[in-house]
Amino acid sequence: MLDELRELYQEVILDHGKNPRNFRHPDDANRHAHGDNPMCGDQIDVFLKIDADGRITDVAFQGKGCAISTASASMMTEVMLGKTEAQARLLFENFHEMCTKDDPHVHEGVDEDAMERLQVLSGVRQFPMRVKCATLAWHTMQAAVEGDNKASSE
């Protein structure tokens, strides 16, 4: 079973890494943040359009990075669309714990379907140097939600 999960992990990373979803700069984005991982050189810009009710109506990214960084950003844009700012914060917290803790706490109210889709990225926890690659887009999205213009994986 572990081999099957590892194979799925690799397939999803390769698919999203080579064919990232929402890789663009929307003209009508009203939130933006730039993320930088100085350890490996990954850089990303996350663009959000948040409506008056605090709901993410568009999310996209651009940048350059390794396959894990790109795949994580691509998957993040898919699960963030339609979420409120509060739901985005909760997903960030859960995703970060999933990537950094052996026994992550699942916070009440989190989108369980989204977390299940993101589960393939939990394998980075076994490779501490890759955790920052997987979480850079998420830190950058969180900065954009909060109205900050910059994020770092440091």
C-alpha atoms as a PDB file:
ATOM      1  CA  MET A   1       0.000   0.000   0.000  1.00  0.00           C
ATOM      2  CA  LEU A   2       2.855   2.379   0.828  1.00  0.00           C
ATOM      3  CA  ASP A   3       4.297   1.870  -2.665  1.00  0.00           C
ATOM      4  CA  GLU A   4       0.914   2.694  -4.208  1.00  0.00           C
ATOM      5  CA  LEU A   5       0.664   5.916  -2.190  1.00  0.00           C
ATOM      6  CA  ARG A   6       4.217   6.874  -3.148  1.00  0.00           C
ATOM      7  CA  GLU A   7       3.424   6.237  -6.819  1.00  0.00           C
ATOM      8  CA  LEU A   8       0.246   8.342  -6.592  1.00  0.00           C
ATOM      9  CA  TYR A   9       2.234  11.085  -4.851  1.00  0.00           C
ATOM     10  CA  GLN A  10       4.762  11.117  -7.678  1.00  0.00           C
ATOM     11  CA  GLU A  11       2.072  11.096 -10.384  1.00  0.00           C
ATOM     12  CA  VAL A  12       0.145  14.003  -8.844  1.00  0.00           C
ATOM     13  CA  ILE A  13       3.313  16.053  -8.297  1.00  0.00           C
ATOM     14  CA  LEU A  14       4.451  15.457 -11.865  1.00  0.00           C
ATOM     15  CA  ASP A  15       1.025  16.236 -13.326  1.00  0.00           C
ATOM     16  CA  HIS A  16       0.573  19.517 -11.443  1.00  0.00           C
ATOM     17  CA  GLY A  17       4.271  20.375 -11.813  1.00  0.00           C
ATOM     18  CA  LYS A  18       4.203  20.016 -15.597  1.00  0.00           C
ATOM     19  CA  ASN A  19       0.626  21.257 -16.132  1.00  0.00           C
ATOM     20  CA  PRO A  20      -0.099  23.720 -13.335  1.00  0.00           C
ATOM     21  CA  ARG A  21      -3.683  24.831 -12.949  1.00  0.00           C
ATOM     22  CA  ASN A  22      -4.476  28.543 -12.646  1.00  0.00           C
ATOM     23  CA  PHE A  23      -0.971  29.607 -13.705  1.00  0.00           C
ATOM     24  CA  ARG A  24      -1.812  33.164 -14.778  1.00  0.00           C
ATOM     25  CA  HIS A  25      -2.108  36.753 -13.610  1.00  0.00           C
ATOM     26  CA  PRO A  26      -5.771  37.805 -13.399  1.00  0.00           C
ATOM     27  CA  ASP A  27      -6.255  41.471 -14.268  1.00  0.00           C
ATOM     28  CA  ASP A  28      -8.960  41.982 -11.652  1.00  0.00           C
ATOM     29  CA  ALA A  29      -7.142  40.511  -8.624  1.00  0.00           C
ATOM     30  CA  ASN A  30      -7.537  42.732  -5.569  1.00  0.00           C
ATOM     31  CA  ARG A  31      -5.001  40.916  -3.359  1.00  0.00           C
ATOM     32  CA  HIS A  32      -1.463  39.906  -4.207  1.00  0.00           C
ATOM     33  CA  ALA A  33       1.588  38.628  -2.373  1.00  0.00           C
ATOM     34  CA  HIS A  34       5.074  37.623  -3.440  1.00  0.00           C
ATOM     35  CA  GLY A  35       6.665  34.590  -1.809  1.00  0.00           C
ATOM     36  CA  ASP A  36      10.319  33.698  -1.712  1.00  0.00           C
ATOM     37  CA  ASN A  37      12.217  30.622  -0.550  1.00  0.00           C
ATOM     38  CA  PRO A  38      15.822  31.846  -0.467  1.00  0.00           C
ATOM     39  CA  MET A  39      17.151  28.377   0.395  1.00  0.00           C
ATOM     40  CA  CYS A  40      16.264  26.896  -2.991  1.00  0.00           C
ATOM     41  CA  GLY A  41      15.289  29.882  -5.121  1.00  0.00           C
ATOM     42  CA  ASP A  42      11.562  29.178  -5.447  1.00  0.00           C
ATOM     43  CA  GLN A  43       9.567  32.364  -6.040  1.00  0.00           C
ATOM     44  CA  ILE A  44       5.836  32.726  -6.409  1.00  0.00           C
ATOM     45  CA  ASP A  45       3.210  35.405  -6.783  1.00  0.00           C
ATOM     46  CA  VAL A  46      -0.312  34.582  -5.600  1.00  0.00           C
ATOM     47  CA  PHE A  47      -3.255  36.597  -6.887  1.00  0.00           C
ATOM     48  CA  LEU A  48      -6.681  36.600  -5.245  1.00  0.00           C
ATOM     49  CA  LYS A  49      -9.963  38.229  -6.058  1.00  0.00           C
ATOM     50  CA  ILE A  50     -11.986  38.486  -2.871  1.00  0.00           C
ATOM     51  CA  ASP A  51     -15.540  39.785  -3.049  1.00  0.00           C
ATOM     52  CA  ALA A  52     -17.312  42.088  -0.589  1.00  0.00           C
ATOM     53  CA  ASP A  53     -18.486  39.067   1.420  1.00  0.00           C
ATOM     54  CA  GLY A  54     -14.891  37.867   1.910  1.00  0.00           C
ATOM     55  CA  ARG A  55     -15.178  34.967  -0.543  1.00  0.00           C
ATOM     56  CA  ILE A  56     -12.355  34.036  -2.926  1.00  0.00           C
ATOM     57  CA  THR A  57     -13.874  34.290  -6.399  1.00  0.00           C
ATOM     58  CA  ASP A  58     -10.597  33.854  -8.290  1.00  0.00           C
ATOM     59  CA  VAL A  59      -7.171  32.554  -7.331  1.00  0.00           C
ATOM     60  CA  ALA A  60      -4.086  32.146  -9.481  1.00  0.00           C
ATOM     61  CA  PHE A  61      -0.317  32.099  -9.281  1.00  0.00           C
ATOM     62  CA  GLN A  62       2.822  32.699 -11.284  1.00  0.00           C
ATOM     63  CA  GLY A  63       6.442  32.064 -10.529  1.00  0.00           C
ATOM     64  CA  LYS A  64       9.260  29.629 -10.812  1.00  0.00           C
ATOM     65  CA  GLY A  65      10.101  26.746  -8.591  1.00  0.00           C
ATOM     66  CA  CYS A  66      10.652  23.050  -8.265  1.00  0.00           C
ATOM     67  CA  ALA A  67       7.976  20.500  -9.120  1.00  0.00           C
ATOM     68  CA  ILE A  68       6.783  20.269  -5.497  1.00  0.00           C
ATOM     69  CA  SER A  69       6.444  24.036  -5.159  1.00  0.00           C
ATOM     70  CA  THR A  70       4.582  24.348  -8.446  1.00  0.00           C
ATOM     71  CA  ALA A  71       2.348  21.344  -7.752  1.00  0.00           C
ATOM     72  CA  SER A  72       1.463  22.612  -4.293  1.00  0.00           C
ATOM     73  CA  ALA A  73       0.561  26.051  -5.674  1.00  0.00           C
ATOM     74  CA  SER A  74      -1.532  24.481  -8.424  1.00  0.00           C
ATOM     75  CA  MET A  75      -3.419  22.250  -6.000  1.00  0.00           C
ATOM     76  CA  MET A  76      -3.878  25.150  -3.585  1.00  0.00           C
ATOM     77  CA  THR A  77      -5.586  27.257  -6.261  1.00  0.00           C
ATOM     78  CA  GLU A  78      -8.020  24.432  -6.964  1.00  0.00           C
ATOM     79  CA  VAL A  79      -9.117  24.014  -3.351  1.00  0.00           C
ATOM     80  CA  MET A  80      -9.209  27.730  -2.455  1.00  0.00           C
ATOM     81  CA  LEU A  81     -11.709  28.821  -5.084  1.00  0.00           C
ATOM     82  CA  GLY A  82     -15.012  29.698  -3.447  1.00  0.00           C
ATOM     83  CA  LYS A  83     -13.660  29.637   0.101  1.00  0.00           C
ATOM     84  CA  THR A  84     -14.125  32.478   2.568  1.00  0.00           C
ATOM     85  CA  GLU A  85     -11.109  34.169   4.106  1.00  0.00           C
ATOM     86  CA  ALA A  86     -11.773  32.245   7.341  1.00  0.00           C
ATOM     87  CA  GLN A  87     -11.944  28.942   5.459  1.00  0.00           C
ATOM     88  CA  ALA A  88      -8.695  29.810   3.648  1.00  0.00           C
ATOM     89  CA  ARG A  89      -6.968  30.443   6.995  1.00  0.00           C
ATOM     90  CA  LEU A  90      -8.243  27.118   8.342  1.00  0.00           C
ATOM     91  CA  LEU A  91      -7.069  25.225   5.268  1.00  0.00           C
ATOM     92  CA  PHE A  92      -3.648  26.878   5.602  1.00  0.00           C
ATOM     93  CA  GLU A  93      -3.357  25.803   9.257  1.00  0.00           C
ATOM     94  CA  ASN A  94      -4.358  22.228   8.468  1.00  0.00           C
ATOM     95  CA  PHE A  95      -2.134  21.966   5.407  1.00  0.00           C
ATOM     96  CA  HIS A  96       0.860  23.346   7.307  1.00  0.00           C
ATOM     97  CA  GLU A  97       0.347  20.871  10.155  1.00  0.00           C
ATOM     98  CA  MET A  98      -0.103  18.027   7.679  1.00  0.00           C
ATOM     99  CA  CYS A  99       3.286  18.845   6.130  1.00  0.00           C
ATOM    100  CA  THR A 100       5.165  19.440   9.368  1.00  0.00           C
ATOM    101  CA  LYS A 101       3.752  17.166  12.083  1.00  0.00           C
ATOM    102  CA  ASP A 102       3.704  13.392  12.357  1.00  0.00           C
ATOM    103  CA  ASP A 103       0.313  13.470  14.071  1.00  0.00           C
ATOM    104  CA  PRO A 104      -1.418  16.583  12.690  1.00  0.00           C
ATOM    105  CA  HIS A 105      -4.482  17.965  14.433  1.00  0.00           C
ATOM    106  CA  VAL A 106      -7.510  18.254  12.153  1.00  0.00           C
ATOM    107  CA  HIS A 107      -9.218  21.510  13.043  1.00  0.00           C
ATOM    108  CA  GLU A 108     -12.984  21.558  13.365  1.00  0.00           C
ATOM    109  CA  GLY A 109     -14.765  22.945  10.329  1.00  0.00           C
ATOM    110  CA  VAL A 110     -11.990  22.302   7.812  1.00  0.00           C
ATOM    111  CA  ASP A 111     -12.989  21.205   4.303  1.00  0.00           C
ATOM    112  CA  GLU A 112     -12.289  17.483   4.615  1.00  0.00           C
ATOM    113  CA  ASP A 113     -12.581  16.867   0.859  1.00  0.00           C
ATOM    114  CA  ALA A 114      -9.926  19.500   0.187  1.00  0.00           C
ATOM    115  CA  MET A 115      -7.634  18.003   2.818  1.00  0.00           C
ATOM    116  CA  GLU A 116      -8.092  14.562   1.324  1.00  0.00           C
ATOM    117  CA  ARG A 117      -7.072  15.893  -2.105  1.00  0.00           C
ATOM    118  CA  LEU A 118      -4.013  17.551  -0.555  1.00  0.00           C
ATOM    119  CA  GLN A 119      -3.010  14.426   1.360  1.00  0.00           C
ATOM    120  CA  VAL A 120      -0.637  13.367  -1.426  1.00  0.00           C
ATOM    121  CA  LEU A 121       1.619  16.277  -0.418  1.00  0.00           C
ATOM    122  CA  SER A 122       1.952  14.999   3.159  1.00  0.00           C
ATOM    123  CA  GLY A 123       4.923  12.912   2.031  1.00  0.00           C
ATOM    124  CA  VAL A 124       7.136  16.010   2.141  1.00  0.00           C
ATOM    125  CA  ARG A 125       7.143  15.680   5.919  1.00  0.00           C
ATOM    126  CA  GLN A 126       9.681  12.861   5.419  1.00  0.00           C
ATOM    127  CA  PHE A 127      12.007  15.297   3.649  1.00  0.00           C
ATOM    128  CA  PRO A 128      12.396  18.391   5.866  1.00  0.00           C
ATOM    129  CA  MET A 129      14.178  20.407   3.144  1.00  0.00           C
ATOM    130  CA  ARG A 130      11.133  19.956   0.863  1.00  0.00           C
ATOM    131  CA  VAL A 131       8.554  21.166   3.395  1.00  0.00           C
ATOM    132  CA  LYS A 132       9.370  24.783   2.547  1.00  0.00           C
ATOM    133  CA  CYS A 133       8.853  24.009  -1.136  1.00  0.00           C
ATOM    134  CA  ALA A 134       5.395  22.586  -0.461  1.00  0.00           C
ATOM    135  CA  THR A 135       4.317  25.355   1.921  1.00  0.00           C
ATOM    136  CA  LEU A 136       5.650  28.451   0.116  1.00  0.00           C
ATOM    137  CA  ALA A 137       2.494  28.973  -1.967  1.00  0.00           C
ATOM    138  CA  TRP A 138       0.373  28.528   1.148  1.00  0.00           C
ATOM    139  CA  HIS A 139       2.349  31.093   3.159  1.00  0.00           C
ATOM    140  CA  THR A 140       2.057  33.445   0.193  1.00  0.00           C
ATOM    141  CA  MET A 141      -1.702  32.869  -0.126  1.00  0.00           C
ATOM    142  CA  GLN A 142      -2.074  33.505   3.600  1.00  0.00           C
ATOM    143  CA  ALA A 143      -0.144  36.772   3.255  1.00  0.00           C
ATOM    144  CA  ALA A 144      -2.421  37.839   0.391  1.00  0.00           C
ATOM    145  CA  VAL A 145      -5.541  37.024   2.435  1.00  0.00           C
ATOM    146  CA  GLU A 146      -4.159  39.111   5.305  1.00  0.00           C
ATOM    147  CA  GLY A 147      -3.336  42.001   2.947  1.00  0.00           C
ATOM    148  CA  ASP A 148       0.432  41.583   3.238  1.00  0.00           C
ATOM    149  CA  ASN A 149       2.487  41.862   0.063  1.00  0.00           C
ATOM    150  CA  LYS A 150       5.344  39.511   0.959  1.00  0.00           C
ATOM    151  CA  ALA A 151       5.822  36.066   2.405  1.00  0.00           C
ATOM    152  CA  SER A 152       8.816  33.876   3.030  1.00  0.00           C
ATOM    153  CA  SER A 153       9.309  30.252   3.861  1.00  0.00           C
ATOM    154  CA  GLU A 154      11.915  31.278   6.459  1.00  0.00           C
END
